[in-house]
Each structure stands twice: as structure tokens, then as C-alpha cells.
Amino acid sequence: MASECSESVSDASLKIKKPNWTELEKNILVEEVHLREGLLFGKFKGAGGGKIAKDVAWREVAQAVNGSSGSGILRTSGEVVKQYSNLKQRAKGKLSESKRPKTGGGPKPPSPTPVELSILEQLEGRPSLEGICGGIDTADPVETQPSTSSSASSDVPAKKKDVQDLRKSQRWWPRSQVLIGDNTIYTYGDSLQKHISQCDPKAHALRNVASTTIWPRDYLEVDVPKSILDRDGLVAVEPHLSESFGVPSILHSVVNKICIENTGCNPLSLRKHELFCQVRPV
């Protein structure tokens, strides 16, 4: 009898609706998901290993939300998966609504929140964003090549412009540019790369050659151009403006290679050809 009562109380407590997600919780959720994007949405080879890795990654996201939000509400991994999916769908819905032809009267469509804008920026250029109007929705990262066509009929530049227009009131650096050293903006993606300033940048941007995950206290080995190295083989490492990997440090190269450590507490996922830090001579 006592066991039946305890079970009924337990079942009733499980049905109690939790408070709505706060903006802080949503921000932490989106940041943690983006840090583990390769694990959560990447394709894995082998039987069962990929699902286990994804389950572990989602649990880590839930732990990060619970440990940093200060709300006292414990979110499960299933709840964070559902919440991120809902945020993504709402963000894409608002973007789609903003592109519909205006018919006159009626209220103005709601603008994406800062959290939703962050998701749209992360999805920029992928089929999951470009397929809003009748396409196939997928969350898998897709490697895209920069367009060399200047035709106004291209869909991809139009989609990117939509996201940029939504962020025009906020300070935002395009993904195709990086600020190096003495306020030199270096543009990537074109066959003829141009400098906005006249000085020649001495820093070299490092890109990941393949998709990978760097676990805490693990290292990523990268090649450094000989022109960057001094006689002692020392280089200064600086993180990219929008990335957290690569703390400022001075490293010694061995055979034109350096090892950059993940000093954080969470795994870091890097996409193929992703710009994550830069190096300069000491």
C-alpha cells in the first residue's frame, strides 16, 4: 500500500509543468549546441557509436544549461533537444515570414530574437535554411563553396542577405572577413583577395583541414608557414574574433607544426576548413 502511494506521488510530481525557459537558458543552450555541432549533427560511421556520442553530447549540453543558468530548474537532455528544435523552427519561420510579399494591412511580422538570430547565422548557407520554401529540412552540416557568380538570380546570396538584413541593427562581422592585428580586414573566398587597408598583414589565419573534435586537455596539431616562424621557431597564437578556441599564447614549433590545446572543460567541434585562430611572428 505504501509503495502504491509513493508511486502515485512520484507520477504526479513528474507531471508538474516546469517553468518556461528563460532567455539566459536559451542563450546557454544555443552556445553549447554550436560548440558541439559536429557531434550532435554530424554523420558517424559504424554501428551505434554515433548515437552514443550524440546522447553524451546532449547530456553535456543539459548539464551546462543547468549549471550556468542559475534558475534552479533541472532540464533533461530530452528537454534541451526539444527546446533547440523549437527555437530553430521558430527562427526559420520568422525568416520565411519576413520574406513574404507585403499585401498592405495587418501587423508587422515579429522579428527574430537575438537567440534566433544566432541560430539563423549558424544555419546560413545550409539546405536547412535555404529549404524553408518547399525544401528538405536537415540539421547535418554541409560544406559549401563560395559563389563566384555575380548573377542576381542566385538563391544563396539572396538567403545570406536576408539574414544580414535582420542583423543590420547589430554589430556583426561577415564570416568571409577577419580582422587581423592593426585593424586590417582580410577577405576570404575570392580568387583575388583584397585588403581594405594598405598595410600587409603579418598574421596568418589557421583553418582546420578536416572535421574534428578536440576534447578537454587534448591538442590539435596544425601546420604553420615558414614565413611566420622566426629563427627560434616561436609564434604567437590569437583566437579568432568569433571563436573561443586558441587562447593567446606563444608556442614553439617543431618541424613547422604547433599543438594548440583545448584548455576548456567541454569538447570543441571544428568543421572542415573552419577558421578558428591566427598566428603571427613573435
C-alpha atoms as a PDB file:
ATOM      1  CA  MET A   1       0.000   0.000   0.000  1.00  0.00           C
ATOM      2  CA  ALA A   2       2.773   2.389   0.939  1.00  0.00           C
ATOM      3  CA  SER A   3       4.639   1.580  -2.275  1.00  0.00           C
ATOM      4  CA  GLU A   4       1.497   2.301  -4.326  1.00  0.00           C
ATOM      5  CA  CYS A   5       1.113   5.698  -2.638  1.00  0.00           C
ATOM      6  CA  SER A   6       4.762   6.589  -3.249  1.00  0.00           C
ATOM      7  CA  GLU A   7       4.453   5.602  -6.896  1.00  0.00           C
ATOM      8  CA  SER A   8       1.342   7.768  -7.338  1.00  0.00           C
ATOM      9  CA  VAL A   9       3.086  10.745  -5.710  1.00  0.00           C
ATOM     10  CA  SER A  10       6.121  10.200  -7.948  1.00  0.00           C
ATOM     11  CA  ASP A  11       3.929  10.048 -11.062  1.00  0.00           C
ATOM     12  CA  ALA A  12       2.124  13.226 -10.029  1.00  0.00           C
ATOM     13  CA  SER A  13       5.407  15.081  -9.492  1.00  0.00           C
ATOM     14  CA  LEU A  14       6.620  14.079 -12.941  1.00  0.00           C
ATOM     15  CA  LYS A  15       3.514  15.645 -14.496  1.00  0.00           C
ATOM     16  CA  ILE A  16       4.123  19.055 -12.902  1.00  0.00           C
ATOM     17  CA  LYS A  17       4.824  21.557 -15.683  1.00  0.00           C
ATOM     18  CA  LYS A  18       8.232  23.179 -15.427  1.00  0.00           C
ATOM     19  CA  PRO A  19       8.611  26.962 -15.790  1.00  0.00           C
ATOM     20  CA  ASN A  20       9.224  28.352 -19.256  1.00  0.00           C
ATOM     21  CA  TRP A  21      12.795  28.662 -20.464  1.00  0.00           C
ATOM     22  CA  THR A  22      14.467  31.952 -19.604  1.00  0.00           C
ATOM     23  CA  GLU A  23      16.419  33.945 -22.191  1.00  0.00           C
ATOM     24  CA  LEU A  24      19.632  33.104 -20.317  1.00  0.00           C
ATOM     25  CA  GLU A  25      18.869  29.384 -20.542  1.00  0.00           C
ATOM     26  CA  LYS A  26      18.159  29.722 -24.263  1.00  0.00           C
ATOM     27  CA  ASN A  27      21.414  31.607 -24.843  1.00  0.00           C
ATOM     28  CA  ILE A  28      23.447  28.986 -22.990  1.00  0.00           C
ATOM     29  CA  LEU A  29      21.630  26.212 -24.864  1.00  0.00           C
ATOM     30  CA  VAL A  30      22.398  27.684 -28.297  1.00  0.00           C
ATOM     31  CA  GLU A  31      26.048  28.383 -27.417  1.00  0.00           C
ATOM     32  CA  GLU A  32      26.611  24.860 -26.077  1.00  0.00           C
ATOM     33  CA  VAL A  33      24.907  23.257 -29.098  1.00  0.00           C
ATOM     34  CA  HIS A  34      27.055  25.282 -31.516  1.00  0.00           C
ATOM     35  CA  LEU A  35      30.204  24.189 -29.654  1.00  0.00           C
ATOM     36  CA  ARG A  36      29.238  20.532 -30.218  1.00  0.00           C
ATOM     37  CA  GLU A  37      27.714  20.887 -33.662  1.00  0.00           C
ATOM     38  CA  GLY A  38      29.889  18.213 -35.239  1.00  0.00           C
ATOM     39  CA  LEU A  39      28.975  15.680 -32.542  1.00  0.00           C
ATOM     40  CA  LEU A  40      25.268  16.489 -32.414  1.00  0.00           C
ATOM     41  CA  PHE A  41      24.503  16.768 -36.120  1.00  0.00           C
ATOM     42  CA  GLY A  42      27.455  15.105 -37.873  1.00  0.00           C
ATOM     43  CA  LYS A  43      27.386  11.744 -39.601  1.00  0.00           C
ATOM     44  CA  PHE A  44      29.214   8.863 -37.898  1.00  0.00           C
ATOM     45  CA  LYS A  45      30.479   5.604 -39.325  1.00  0.00           C
ATOM     46  CA  GLY A  46      29.947   2.308 -37.535  1.00  0.00           C
ATOM     47  CA  ALA A  47      27.060   0.728 -35.665  1.00  0.00           C
ATOM     48  CA  GLY A  48      25.773   2.535 -32.585  1.00  0.00           C
ATOM     49  CA  GLY A  49      28.844   4.642 -31.852  1.00  0.00           C
ATOM     50  CA  GLY A  50      27.378   7.800 -33.345  1.00  0.00           C
ATOM     51  CA  LYS A  51      24.166   7.587 -31.335  1.00  0.00           C
ATOM     52  CA  ILE A  52      26.063   7.071 -28.092  1.00  0.00           C
ATOM     53  CA  ALA A  53      28.296  10.074 -28.813  1.00  0.00           C
ATOM     54  CA  LYS A  54      25.266  12.239 -29.601  1.00  0.00           C
ATOM     55  CA  ASP A  55      23.463  11.140 -26.435  1.00  0.00           C
ATOM     56  CA  VAL A  56      26.530  12.003 -24.356  1.00  0.00           C
ATOM     57  CA  ALA A  57      26.837  15.390 -26.074  1.00  0.00           C
ATOM     58  CA  TRP A  58      23.182  16.261 -25.415  1.00  0.00           C
ATOM     59  CA  ARG A  59      23.602  15.308 -21.749  1.00  0.00           C
ATOM     60  CA  GLU A  60      26.608  17.626 -21.575  1.00  0.00           C
ATOM     61  CA  VAL A  61      24.501  20.436 -23.059  1.00  0.00           C
ATOM     62  CA  ALA A  62      21.825  19.828 -20.411  1.00  0.00           C
ATOM     63  CA  GLN A  63      24.458  19.872 -17.649  1.00  0.00           C
ATOM     64  CA  ALA A  64      25.875  23.158 -18.970  1.00  0.00           C
ATOM     65  CA  VAL A  65      22.414  24.753 -19.015  1.00  0.00           C
ATOM     66  CA  ASN A  66      21.607  23.513 -15.509  1.00  0.00           C
ATOM     67  CA  GLY A  67      24.975  24.564 -14.107  1.00  0.00           C
ATOM     68  CA  SER A  68      25.174  28.054 -15.617  1.00  0.00           C
ATOM     69  CA  SER A  69      21.628  29.407 -15.771  1.00  0.00           C
ATOM     70  CA  GLY A  70      21.136  29.765 -12.006  1.00  0.00           C
ATOM     71  CA  SER A  71      17.400  29.165 -12.407  1.00  0.00           C
ATOM     72  CA  GLY A  72      17.375  26.084 -10.179  1.00  0.00           C
ATOM     73  CA  ILE A  73      15.348  24.209 -12.802  1.00  0.00           C
ATOM     74  CA  LEU A  74      16.912  20.958 -13.984  1.00  0.00           C
ATOM     75  CA  ARG A  75      16.426  20.389 -17.709  1.00  0.00           C
ATOM     76  CA  THR A  76      16.799  16.872 -19.100  1.00  0.00           C
ATOM     77  CA  SER A  77      18.634  16.010 -22.311  1.00  0.00           C
ATOM     78  CA  GLY A  78      15.283  15.308 -23.962  1.00  0.00           C
ATOM     79  CA  GLU A  79      14.039  18.763 -22.993  1.00  0.00           C
ATOM     80  CA  VAL A  80      17.093  20.528 -24.413  1.00  0.00           C
ATOM     81  CA  VAL A  81      16.757  18.609 -27.699  1.00  0.00           C
ATOM     82  CA  LYS A  82      13.106  19.647 -27.987  1.00  0.00           C
ATOM     83  CA  GLN A  83      13.796  23.254 -26.980  1.00  0.00           C
ATOM     84  CA  TYR A  84      16.595  23.676 -29.544  1.00  0.00           C
ATOM     85  CA  SER A  85      14.388  22.158 -32.249  1.00  0.00           C
ATOM     86  CA  ASN A  86      11.581  24.567 -31.345  1.00  0.00           C
ATOM     87  CA  LEU A  87      13.941  27.560 -31.366  1.00  0.00           C
ATOM     88  CA  LYS A  88      15.287  26.568 -34.775  1.00  0.00           C
ATOM     89  CA  GLN A  89      11.818  26.135 -36.260  1.00  0.00           C
ATOM     90  CA  ARG A  90      10.632  29.482 -34.881  1.00  0.00           C
ATOM     91  CA  ALA A  91      13.738  31.237 -36.220  1.00  0.00           C
ATOM     92  CA  LYS A  92      13.269  29.801 -39.709  1.00  0.00           C
ATOM     93  CA  GLY A  93       9.555  30.584 -39.599  1.00  0.00           C
ATOM     94  CA  LYS A  94      10.203  34.249 -38.781  1.00  0.00           C
ATOM     95  CA  LEU A  95      12.804  34.493 -41.540  1.00  0.00           C
ATOM     96  CA  SER A  96      10.360  32.974 -44.016  1.00  0.00           C
ATOM     97  CA  GLU A  97       7.606  35.340 -42.865  1.00  0.00           C
ATOM     98  CA  SER A  98       9.852  38.380 -43.294  1.00  0.00           C
ATOM     99  CA  LYS A  99      10.475  37.468 -46.960  1.00  0.00           C
ATOM    100  CA  ARG A 100       6.832  37.122 -47.947  1.00  0.00           C
ATOM    101  CA  PRO A 101       5.433  39.879 -50.201  1.00  0.00           C
ATOM    102  CA  LYS A 102       3.646  42.598 -48.253  1.00  0.00           C
ATOM    103  CA  THR A 103      -0.088  42.749 -49.034  1.00  0.00           C
ATOM    104  CA  GLY A 104      -0.988  46.002 -47.313  1.00  0.00           C
ATOM    105  CA  GLY A 105      -2.672  45.965 -43.925  1.00  0.00           C
ATOM    106  CA  GLY A 106      -2.058  43.772 -40.943  1.00  0.00           C
ATOM    107  CA  PRO A 107       0.513  43.782 -38.157  1.00  0.00           C
ATOM    108  CA  LYS A 108       4.214  43.685 -38.879  1.00  0.00           C
ATOM    109  CA  PRO A 109       5.686  40.149 -38.695  1.00  0.00           C
ATOM    110  CA  PRO A 110       7.600  39.532 -35.449  1.00  0.00           C
ATOM    111  CA  SER A 111      11.363  39.950 -35.699  1.00  0.00           C
ATOM    112  CA  PRO A 112      13.720  37.138 -34.629  1.00  0.00           C
ATOM    113  CA  THR A 113      15.075  37.386 -31.103  1.00  0.00           C
ATOM    114  CA  PRO A 114      18.872  37.575 -30.531  1.00  0.00           C
ATOM    115  CA  VAL A 115      18.879  33.833 -29.777  1.00  0.00           C
ATOM    116  CA  GLU A 116      17.023  33.087 -33.016  1.00  0.00           C
ATOM    117  CA  LEU A 117      19.379  35.349 -34.978  1.00  0.00           C
ATOM    118  CA  SER A 118      22.316  33.356 -33.624  1.00  0.00           C
ATOM    119  CA  ILE A 119      20.694  30.143 -34.885  1.00  0.00           C
ATOM    120  CA  LEU A 120      19.995  31.674 -38.320  1.00  0.00           C
ATOM    121  CA  GLU A 121      23.624  32.781 -38.595  1.00  0.00           C
ATOM    122  CA  GLN A 122      24.799  29.262 -37.746  1.00  0.00           C
ATOM    123  CA  LEU A 123      22.449  27.750 -40.351  1.00  0.00           C
ATOM    124  CA  GLU A 124      23.396  30.286 -43.019  1.00  0.00           C
ATOM    125  CA  GLY A 125      24.125  28.693 -46.401  1.00  0.00           C
ATOM    126  CA  ARG A 126      22.817  25.225 -45.483  1.00  0.00           C
ATOM    127  CA  PRO A 127      19.890  23.355 -47.024  1.00  0.00           C
ATOM    128  CA  SER A 128      18.122  23.511 -43.643  1.00  0.00           C
ATOM    129  CA  LEU A 129      17.884  27.293 -44.084  1.00  0.00           C
ATOM    130  CA  GLU A 130      17.626  27.553 -47.851  1.00  0.00           C
ATOM    131  CA  GLY A 131      14.929  24.902 -47.966  1.00  0.00           C
ATOM    132  CA  ILE A 132      12.385  26.929 -45.999  1.00  0.00           C
ATOM    133  CA  CYS A 133      10.138  27.323 -49.042  1.00  0.00           C
ATOM    134  CA  GLY A 134       9.423  23.713 -50.028  1.00  0.00           C
ATOM    135  CA  GLY A 135      12.845  22.147 -49.429  1.00  0.00           C
ATOM    136  CA  ILE A 136      14.057  19.299 -47.221  1.00  0.00           C
ATOM    137  CA  ASP A 137      14.914  20.192 -43.642  1.00  0.00           C
ATOM    138  CA  THR A 138      18.178  18.753 -42.369  1.00  0.00           C
ATOM    139  CA  ALA A 139      20.446  19.710 -39.497  1.00  0.00           C
ATOM    140  CA  ASP A 140      23.558  17.998 -40.865  1.00  0.00           C
ATOM    141  CA  PRO A 141      26.456  20.389 -41.564  1.00  0.00           C
ATOM    142  CA  VAL A 142      27.040  20.791 -45.283  1.00  0.00           C
ATOM    143  CA  GLU A 143      30.277  22.075 -46.727  1.00  0.00           C
ATOM    144  CA  THR A 144      29.583  24.955 -49.107  1.00  0.00           C
ATOM    145  CA  GLN A 145      31.819  26.649 -51.635  1.00  0.00           C
ATOM    146  CA  PRO A 146      31.879  30.465 -52.003  1.00  0.00           C
ATOM    147  CA  SER A 147      29.982  31.619 -55.071  1.00  0.00           C
ATOM    148  CA  THR A 148      31.988  33.285 -57.832  1.00  0.00           C
ATOM    149  CA  SER A 149      28.936  34.309 -59.856  1.00  0.00           C
ATOM    150  CA  SER A 150      27.626  37.862 -59.670  1.00  0.00           C
ATOM    151  CA  SER A 151      24.226  36.943 -61.112  1.00  0.00           C
ATOM    152  CA  ALA A 152      21.281  38.429 -59.223  1.00  0.00           C
ATOM    153  CA  SER A 153      19.283  35.232 -59.797  1.00  0.00           C
ATOM    154  CA  SER A 154      21.452  33.161 -57.428  1.00  0.00           C
ATOM    155  CA  ASP A 155      19.449  31.967 -54.395  1.00  0.00           C
ATOM    156  CA  VAL A 156      22.316  31.545 -51.922  1.00  0.00           C
ATOM    157  CA  PRO A 157      23.451  35.229 -51.856  1.00  0.00           C
ATOM    158  CA  ALA A 158      19.787  36.256 -51.516  1.00  0.00           C
ATOM    159  CA  LYS A 159      19.378  33.993 -48.479  1.00  0.00           C
ATOM    160  CA  LYS A 160      22.526  35.394 -46.892  1.00  0.00           C
ATOM    161  CA  LYS A 161      21.296  38.939 -47.497  1.00  0.00           C
ATOM    162  CA  ASP A 162      18.062  38.126 -45.674  1.00  0.00           C
ATOM    163  CA  VAL A 163      19.988  37.106 -42.559  1.00  0.00           C
ATOM    164  CA  GLN A 164      22.256  40.147 -42.847  1.00  0.00           C
ATOM    165  CA  ASP A 165      19.262  42.484 -43.151  1.00  0.00           C
ATOM    166  CA  LEU A 166      17.806  41.035 -39.955  1.00  0.00           C
ATOM    167  CA  ARG A 167      21.081  41.766 -38.144  1.00  0.00           C
ATOM    168  CA  LYS A 168      21.691  45.213 -39.621  1.00  0.00           C
ATOM    169  CA  SER A 169      20.934  46.894 -36.277  1.00  0.00           C
ATOM    170  CA  GLN A 170      23.627  44.825 -34.548  1.00  0.00           C
ATOM    171  CA  ARG A 171      27.388  44.792 -34.913  1.00  0.00           C
ATOM    172  CA  TRP A 172      28.205  41.691 -36.912  1.00  0.00           C
ATOM    173  CA  TRP A 173      31.283  40.666 -38.892  1.00  0.00           C
ATOM    174  CA  PRO A 174      30.580  38.563 -42.021  1.00  0.00           C
ATOM    175  CA  ARG A 175      32.071  35.074 -42.000  1.00  0.00           C
ATOM    176  CA  SER A 176      34.101  35.903 -45.102  1.00  0.00           C
ATOM    177  CA  GLN A 177      36.198  38.522 -43.307  1.00  0.00           C
ATOM    178  CA  VAL A 178      38.580  38.540 -40.361  1.00  0.00           C
ATOM    179  CA  LEU A 179      40.144  41.467 -38.504  1.00  0.00           C
ATOM    180  CA  ILE A 180      43.886  40.947 -38.056  1.00  0.00           C
ATOM    181  CA  GLY A 181      46.361  42.897 -35.998  1.00  0.00           C
ATOM    182  CA  ASP A 182      46.420  46.608 -36.846  1.00  0.00           C
ATOM    183  CA  ASN A 183      42.778  46.882 -37.972  1.00  0.00           C
ATOM    184  CA  THR A 184      43.441  45.162 -41.288  1.00  0.00           C
ATOM    185  CA  ILE A 185      40.347  43.406 -42.665  1.00  0.00           C
ATOM    186  CA  TYR A 186      41.269  40.371 -44.758  1.00  0.00           C
ATOM    187  CA  THR A 187      38.578  38.989 -47.103  1.00  0.00           C
ATOM    188  CA  TYR A 188      38.441  35.249 -47.838  1.00  0.00           C
ATOM    189  CA  GLY A 189      36.711  33.298 -50.576  1.00  0.00           C
ATOM    190  CA  ASP A 190      37.560  35.297 -53.706  1.00  0.00           C
ATOM    191  CA  SER A 191      40.250  34.273 -56.186  1.00  0.00           C
ATOM    192  CA  LEU A 192      41.764  37.747 -55.838  1.00  0.00           C
ATOM    193  CA  GLN A 193      41.798  38.594 -52.139  1.00  0.00           C
ATOM    194  CA  LYS A 194      41.844  42.303 -51.356  1.00  0.00           C
ATOM    195  CA  HIS A 195      42.971  44.263 -48.309  1.00  0.00           C
ATOM    196  CA  ILE A 196      40.898  47.163 -47.136  1.00  0.00           C
ATOM    197  CA  SER A 197      43.950  48.751 -45.576  1.00  0.00           C
ATOM    198  CA  GLN A 198      47.184  49.203 -47.473  1.00  0.00           C
ATOM    199  CA  CYS A 199      49.477  47.522 -44.929  1.00  0.00           C
ATOM    200  CA  ASP A 200      50.404  43.877 -45.446  1.00  0.00           C
ATOM    201  CA  PRO A 201      49.081  41.752 -42.525  1.00  0.00           C
ATOM    202  CA  LYS A 202      51.747  39.752 -40.736  1.00  0.00           C
ATOM    203  CA  ALA A 203      49.319  37.306 -39.163  1.00  0.00           C
ATOM    204  CA  HIS A 204      48.294  34.035 -40.796  1.00  0.00           C
ATOM    205  CA  ALA A 205      44.801  32.592 -40.379  1.00  0.00           C
ATOM    206  CA  LEU A 206      44.654  28.890 -39.494  1.00  0.00           C
ATOM    207  CA  ARG A 207      41.924  26.668 -40.911  1.00  0.00           C
ATOM    208  CA  ASN A 208      41.057  23.119 -39.942  1.00  0.00           C
ATOM    209  CA  VAL A 209      41.854  20.635 -42.738  1.00  0.00           C
ATOM    210  CA  ALA A 210      39.132  18.173 -41.687  1.00  0.00           C
ATOM    211  CA  SER A 211      36.147  17.998 -39.350  1.00  0.00           C
ATOM    212  CA  THR A 212      37.335  17.020 -35.891  1.00  0.00           C
ATOM    213  CA  THR A 213      36.557  17.218 -32.175  1.00  0.00           C
ATOM    214  CA  ILE A 214      39.166  18.355 -29.642  1.00  0.00           C
ATOM    215  CA  TRP A 215      38.488  17.005 -26.174  1.00  0.00           C
ATOM    216  CA  PRO A 216      39.462  18.884 -22.987  1.00  0.00           C
ATOM    217  CA  ARG A 217      43.248  18.818 -22.421  1.00  0.00           C
ATOM    218  CA  ASP A 218      43.718  17.342 -25.890  1.00  0.00           C
ATOM    219  CA  TYR A 219      45.689  19.004 -28.693  1.00  0.00           C
ATOM    220  CA  LEU A 220      45.113  19.960 -32.314  1.00  0.00           C
ATOM    221  CA  GLU A 221      48.233  19.777 -34.482  1.00  0.00           C
ATOM    222  CA  VAL A 222      48.382  22.346 -37.297  1.00  0.00           C
ATOM    223  CA  ASP A 223      50.937  23.425 -39.882  1.00  0.00           C
ATOM    224  CA  VAL A 224      52.488  26.903 -39.722  1.00  0.00           C
ATOM    225  CA  PRO A 225      54.009  28.621 -42.808  1.00  0.00           C
ATOM    226  CA  LYS A 226      57.765  29.072 -42.645  1.00  0.00           C
ATOM    227  CA  SER A 227      57.332  32.781 -43.363  1.00  0.00           C
ATOM    228  CA  ILE A 228      55.599  33.192 -39.993  1.00  0.00           C
ATOM    229  CA  LEU A 229      58.301  31.443 -37.948  1.00  0.00           C
ATOM    230  CA  ASP A 230      61.253  33.325 -36.515  1.00  0.00           C
ATOM    231  CA  ARG A 231      64.721  31.838 -36.075  1.00  0.00           C
ATOM    232  CA  ASP A 232      63.707  30.194 -32.796  1.00  0.00           C
ATOM    233  CA  GLY A 233      60.518  28.722 -34.252  1.00  0.00           C
ATOM    234  CA  LEU A 234      58.259  30.776 -31.969  1.00  0.00           C
ATOM    235  CA  VAL A 235      54.794  32.035 -32.948  1.00  0.00           C
ATOM    236  CA  ALA A 236      52.088  33.972 -31.126  1.00  0.00           C
ATOM    237  CA  VAL A 237      48.624  32.374 -31.220  1.00  0.00           C
ATOM    238  CA  GLU A 238      45.491  34.529 -31.129  1.00  0.00           C
ATOM    239  CA  PRO A 239      41.866  33.308 -31.119  1.00  0.00           C
ATOM    240  CA  HIS A 240      39.595  34.308 -33.969  1.00  0.00           C
ATOM    241  CA  LEU A 241      37.117  37.082 -33.140  1.00  0.00           C
ATOM    242  CA  SER A 242      34.076  34.776 -33.131  1.00  0.00           C
ATOM    243  CA  GLU A 243      35.718  31.657 -31.678  1.00  0.00           C
ATOM    244  CA  SER A 244      36.800  30.575 -28.195  1.00  0.00           C
ATOM    245  CA  PHE A 245      39.451  28.043 -29.261  1.00  0.00           C
ATOM    246  CA  GLY A 246      43.074  29.098 -29.191  1.00  0.00           C
ATOM    247  CA  VAL A 247      43.874  31.162 -26.093  1.00  0.00           C
ATOM    248  CA  PRO A 248      46.527  33.888 -26.541  1.00  0.00           C
ATOM    249  CA  SER A 249      49.879  32.177 -26.099  1.00  0.00           C
ATOM    250  CA  ILE A 250      53.394  31.805 -27.503  1.00  0.00           C
ATOM    251  CA  LEU A 251      54.186  28.346 -28.843  1.00  0.00           C
ATOM    252  CA  HIS A 252      57.341  26.681 -30.113  1.00  0.00           C
ATOM    253  CA  SER A 253      57.013  24.911 -33.450  1.00  0.00           C
ATOM    254  CA  VAL A 254      58.513  21.540 -34.283  1.00  0.00           C
ATOM    255  CA  VAL A 255      59.023  20.773 -37.986  1.00  0.00           C
ATOM    256  CA  ASN A 256      56.733  23.713 -38.866  1.00  0.00           C
ATOM    257  CA  LYS A 257      53.929  22.352 -36.662  1.00  0.00           C
ATOM    258  CA  ILE A 258      52.371  23.601 -33.431  1.00  0.00           C
ATOM    259  CA  CYS A 259      49.979  21.918 -30.979  1.00  0.00           C
ATOM    260  CA  ILE A 260      47.069  24.038 -29.716  1.00  0.00           C
ATOM    261  CA  GLU A 261      45.446  22.760 -26.513  1.00  0.00           C
ATOM    262  CA  ASN A 262      41.751  22.783 -25.651  1.00  0.00           C
ATOM    263  CA  THR A 263      42.039  24.364 -22.202  1.00  0.00           C
ATOM    264  CA  GLY A 264      38.280  24.429 -21.639  1.00  0.00           C
ATOM    265  CA  CYS A 265      36.030  21.921 -19.895  1.00  0.00           C
ATOM    266  CA  ASN A 266      33.977  20.938 -22.957  1.00  0.00           C
ATOM    267  CA  PRO A 267      34.808  19.249 -26.280  1.00  0.00           C
ATOM    268  CA  LEU A 268      35.206  21.615 -29.228  1.00  0.00           C
ATOM    269  CA  SER A 269      33.985  20.653 -32.687  1.00  0.00           C
ATOM    270  CA  LEU A 270      35.582  22.225 -35.763  1.00  0.00           C
ATOM    271  CA  ARG A 271      34.174  21.946 -39.264  1.00  0.00           C
ATOM    272  CA  LYS A 272      36.314  21.308 -42.328  1.00  0.00           C
ATOM    273  CA  HIS A 273      38.105  24.485 -43.469  1.00  0.00           C
ATOM    274  CA  GLU A 274      36.738  26.410 -40.446  1.00  0.00           C
ATOM    275  CA  LEU A 275      38.781  29.453 -39.426  1.00  0.00           C
ATOM    276  CA  PHE A 276      39.474  29.113 -35.703  1.00  0.00           C
ATOM    277  CA  CYS A 277      42.585  31.166 -34.842  1.00  0.00           C
ATOM    278  CA  GLN A 278      45.545  33.053 -36.272  1.00  0.00           C
ATOM    279  CA  VAL A 279      49.300  33.124 -35.716  1.00  0.00           C
ATOM    280  CA  ARG A 280      51.879  35.883 -36.077  1.00  0.00           C
ATOM    281  CA  PRO A 281      55.648  36.170 -35.643  1.00  0.00           C
ATOM    282  CA  VAL A 282      56.920  36.889 -32.154  1.00  0.00           C
END
